[in-house]
């Protein structure tokens, strides 16, 4: 199915799918997973940012103190 032609100044102009959808094939770049990871690392993104927060806690509470705090929320 082709997009419908549009009228412009009493002339019918045929539209491409890219024009109809508002995209340009030059602007659209598809990356596979490996390309995306390589690009993100080259842009400075950490390989696994979760490593920065796993095992850290902002306070000095023990597990028991933290459990007591949670129990007191009820």
N, C-alpha and C. Protein backbone atom coordinates (compact mmCIF):
# COMPACT_ATOMS: atom_id res chain seq x y z
N UNK A 1 0.84 -1.18 0.00
CA UNK A 1 0.00 0.00 0.00
C UNK A 1 0.89 1.25 0.00
N UNK A 2 0.68 2.10 -0.94
CA UNK A 2 1.45 3.33 -1.05
C UNK A 2 0.70 4.47 -0.35
N UNK A 3 1.42 5.46 0.18
CA UNK A 3 0.74 6.61 0.79
C UNK A 3 -0.01 7.40 -0.26
N UNK A 4 -1.06 8.06 0.19
CA UNK A 4 -1.88 8.83 -0.75
C UNK A 4 -1.12 10.04 -1.26
N UNK A 5 -1.30 10.38 -2.54
CA UNK A 5 -0.67 11.59 -3.06
C UNK A 5 -1.26 12.82 -2.37
N UNK A 6 -0.49 13.90 -2.30
CA UNK A 6 -1.01 15.13 -1.72
C UNK A 6 -1.07 16.20 -2.80
N UNK A 7 -2.04 17.09 -2.65
CA UNK A 7 -2.19 18.19 -3.60
C UNK A 7 -1.40 19.39 -3.12
N UNK A 8 -0.67 20.00 -4.00
CA UNK A 8 0.08 21.19 -3.66
C UNK A 8 0.04 22.12 -4.86
N UNK A 9 -0.56 23.28 -4.67
CA UNK A 9 -0.70 24.26 -5.76
C UNK A 9 -1.33 23.63 -7.00
N UNK A 10 -2.44 22.92 -6.78
CA UNK A 10 -3.19 22.27 -7.85
C UNK A 10 -2.39 21.20 -8.57
N UNK A 11 -1.30 20.73 -7.97
CA UNK A 11 -0.53 19.63 -8.52
C UNK A 11 -0.57 18.50 -7.52
N UNK A 12 -0.57 17.30 -8.01
CA UNK A 12 -0.53 16.14 -7.13
C UNK A 12 0.91 15.68 -7.04
N UNK A 13 1.38 15.60 -5.80
CA UNK A 13 2.76 15.18 -5.55
C UNK A 13 2.74 13.86 -4.81
N UNK A 14 3.48 12.91 -5.31
CA UNK A 14 3.54 11.60 -4.68
C UNK A 14 4.47 11.66 -3.47
N UNK A 15 4.01 11.10 -2.33
CA UNK A 15 4.80 11.11 -1.11
C UNK A 15 5.46 9.75 -0.92
N UNK A 16 6.64 9.78 -0.38
CA UNK A 16 7.28 8.53 0.00
C UNK A 16 6.82 8.18 1.41
N UNK A 17 7.05 6.94 1.81
CA UNK A 17 6.69 6.52 3.17
C UNK A 17 7.47 7.32 4.20
N UNK A 18 8.73 7.63 3.89
CA UNK A 18 9.54 8.41 4.83
C UNK A 18 8.94 9.78 5.07
N UNK A 19 8.49 10.45 3.97
CA UNK A 19 7.85 11.76 4.11
C UNK A 19 6.52 11.62 4.86
N UNK A 20 5.77 10.60 4.54
CA UNK A 20 4.47 10.39 5.16
C UNK A 20 4.61 10.18 6.67
N UNK A 21 5.63 9.41 7.07
CA UNK A 21 5.84 9.13 8.48
C UNK A 21 6.68 10.20 9.18
N UNK A 22 7.23 11.12 8.42
CA UNK A 22 8.02 12.19 9.00
C UNK A 22 9.41 11.77 9.41
N UNK A 23 9.95 10.77 8.74
CA UNK A 23 11.31 10.33 9.05
C UNK A 23 12.17 10.43 7.81
N UNK A 24 13.43 10.52 8.03
CA UNK A 24 14.37 10.55 6.92
C UNK A 24 15.29 9.35 7.05
N UNK A 25 15.48 8.59 5.98
CA UNK A 25 16.36 7.44 6.08
C UNK A 25 17.78 7.83 6.47
N UNK A 26 18.17 9.07 6.20
CA UNK A 26 19.51 9.52 6.58
C UNK A 26 19.61 9.72 8.08
N UNK A 27 18.51 10.09 8.74
CA UNK A 27 18.53 10.35 10.18
C UNK A 27 18.37 9.09 11.00
N UNK A 28 17.70 8.10 10.45
CA UNK A 28 17.43 6.88 11.19
C UNK A 28 18.64 5.97 11.12
N UNK A 29 19.17 5.61 12.28
CA UNK A 29 20.31 4.71 12.32
C UNK A 29 19.95 3.58 13.27
N UNK A 30 20.05 2.39 12.77
CA UNK A 30 19.75 1.23 13.58
C UNK A 30 21.06 0.61 14.06
N UNK A 31 21.09 0.30 15.35
CA UNK A 31 22.28 -0.31 15.91
C UNK A 31 21.91 -1.67 16.50
N UNK A 32 22.77 -2.63 16.27
CA UNK A 32 22.55 -3.89 16.97
C UNK A 32 23.07 -3.70 18.39
N UNK A 33 22.89 -4.69 19.24
CA UNK A 33 23.24 -4.57 20.65
C UNK A 33 24.72 -4.28 20.85
N UNK A 34 25.58 -4.98 20.11
CA UNK A 34 27.02 -4.77 20.26
C UNK A 34 27.43 -3.35 19.86
N UNK A 35 26.83 -2.83 18.78
CA UNK A 35 27.14 -1.46 18.34
C UNK A 35 26.67 -0.44 19.39
N UNK A 36 25.50 -0.69 19.96
CA UNK A 36 24.97 0.23 20.98
C UNK A 36 25.86 0.25 22.22
N UNK A 37 26.29 -0.92 22.68
CA UNK A 37 27.16 -1.00 23.85
C UNK A 37 28.49 -0.30 23.57
N UNK A 38 29.07 -0.55 22.41
CA UNK A 38 30.34 0.08 22.04
C UNK A 38 30.20 1.60 22.01
N UNK A 39 29.12 2.10 21.41
CA UNK A 39 28.90 3.55 21.34
C UNK A 39 28.73 4.14 22.74
N UNK A 40 27.94 3.49 23.59
CA UNK A 40 27.70 4.02 24.93
C UNK A 40 28.97 4.04 25.77
N UNK A 41 29.79 3.01 25.66
CA UNK A 41 31.05 2.99 26.40
C UNK A 41 31.98 4.10 25.90
N UNK A 42 32.02 4.30 24.57
CA UNK A 42 32.88 5.36 24.03
C UNK A 42 32.39 6.74 24.44
N UNK A 43 31.08 6.87 24.74
CA UNK A 43 30.52 8.14 25.21
C UNK A 43 30.73 8.33 26.71
N UNK A 44 31.31 7.34 27.38
CA UNK A 44 31.63 7.48 28.79
C UNK A 44 30.68 6.77 29.74
N UNK A 45 29.72 6.04 29.22
CA UNK A 45 28.80 5.32 30.09
C UNK A 45 29.53 4.12 30.69
N UNK A 46 29.28 3.89 31.98
CA UNK A 46 29.90 2.73 32.64
C UNK A 46 29.28 1.45 32.12
N UNK A 47 30.07 0.41 32.12
CA UNK A 47 29.59 -0.87 31.62
C UNK A 47 28.40 -1.37 32.44
N UNK A 48 28.48 -1.26 33.77
CA UNK A 48 27.38 -1.67 34.62
C UNK A 48 27.26 -0.68 35.78
N UNK A 49 26.43 0.36 35.64
CA UNK A 49 26.34 1.37 36.69
C UNK A 49 25.74 0.85 38.00
N UNK A 50 25.10 -0.31 37.99
CA UNK A 50 24.56 -0.87 39.23
C UNK A 50 25.67 -1.22 40.22
N UNK A 51 26.87 -1.48 39.71
CA UNK A 51 27.98 -1.80 40.60
C UNK A 51 28.30 -0.64 41.54
N UNK A 52 27.91 0.57 41.16
CA UNK A 52 28.18 1.73 42.00
C UNK A 52 27.31 1.75 43.25
N UNK A 53 26.11 1.15 43.18
CA UNK A 53 25.20 1.26 44.33
C UNK A 53 24.97 -0.05 45.07
N UNK A 54 25.29 -1.17 44.45
CA UNK A 54 25.07 -2.45 45.12
C UNK A 54 25.99 -2.58 46.31
N UNK A 55 25.42 -2.92 47.47
CA UNK A 55 26.20 -3.11 48.68
C UNK A 55 26.49 -1.84 49.44
N UNK A 56 25.94 -0.72 49.00
CA UNK A 56 26.16 0.52 49.72
C UNK A 56 24.86 0.95 50.39
N UNK A 57 24.98 1.66 51.48
CA UNK A 57 23.82 2.17 52.19
C UNK A 57 24.22 3.53 52.76
N UNK A 58 23.36 4.51 52.67
CA UNK A 58 23.77 5.85 53.11
C UNK A 58 24.00 5.99 54.62
N UNK A 59 23.48 5.08 55.42
CA UNK A 59 23.64 5.22 56.87
C UNK A 59 24.52 4.13 57.45
N UNK A 60 24.63 4.13 58.77
CA UNK A 60 25.45 3.14 59.47
C UNK A 60 24.60 2.12 60.20
N UNK A 61 23.33 1.98 59.83
CA UNK A 61 22.42 1.08 60.52
C UNK A 61 22.81 -0.37 60.29
N UNK A 62 22.63 -1.18 61.32
CA UNK A 62 22.81 -2.62 61.15
C UNK A 62 21.52 -3.18 60.55
N UNK A 63 21.57 -4.43 60.14
CA UNK A 63 20.37 -5.07 59.59
C UNK A 63 19.24 -5.07 60.62
N UNK A 64 19.58 -5.32 61.88
CA UNK A 64 18.55 -5.37 62.92
C UNK A 64 17.93 -3.99 63.15
N UNK A 65 18.76 -2.95 63.16
CA UNK A 65 18.25 -1.59 63.33
C UNK A 65 17.35 -1.21 62.15
N UNK A 66 17.75 -1.59 60.96
CA UNK A 66 16.95 -1.28 59.79
C UNK A 66 15.62 -2.02 59.84
N UNK A 67 15.65 -3.28 60.26
CA UNK A 67 14.41 -4.05 60.40
C UNK A 67 13.48 -3.41 61.41
N UNK A 68 14.04 -2.93 62.53
CA UNK A 68 13.23 -2.24 63.55
C UNK A 68 12.60 -0.97 62.97
N UNK A 69 13.37 -0.23 62.17
CA UNK A 69 12.82 0.98 61.54
C UNK A 69 11.65 0.64 60.63
N UNK A 70 11.79 -0.45 59.86
CA UNK A 70 10.70 -0.87 58.96
C UNK A 70 9.47 -1.32 59.76
N UNK A 71 9.71 -2.04 60.86
CA UNK A 71 8.58 -2.52 61.68
C UNK A 71 7.85 -1.34 62.34
N UNK A 72 8.54 -0.27 62.65
CA UNK A 72 7.93 0.89 63.30
C UNK A 72 7.13 1.75 62.32
N UNK A 73 7.24 1.48 61.04
CA UNK A 73 6.47 2.23 60.04
C UNK A 73 4.99 1.87 60.05
N UNK A 74 4.65 0.71 60.57
CA UNK A 74 3.25 0.24 60.56
C UNK A 74 2.40 1.09 61.41
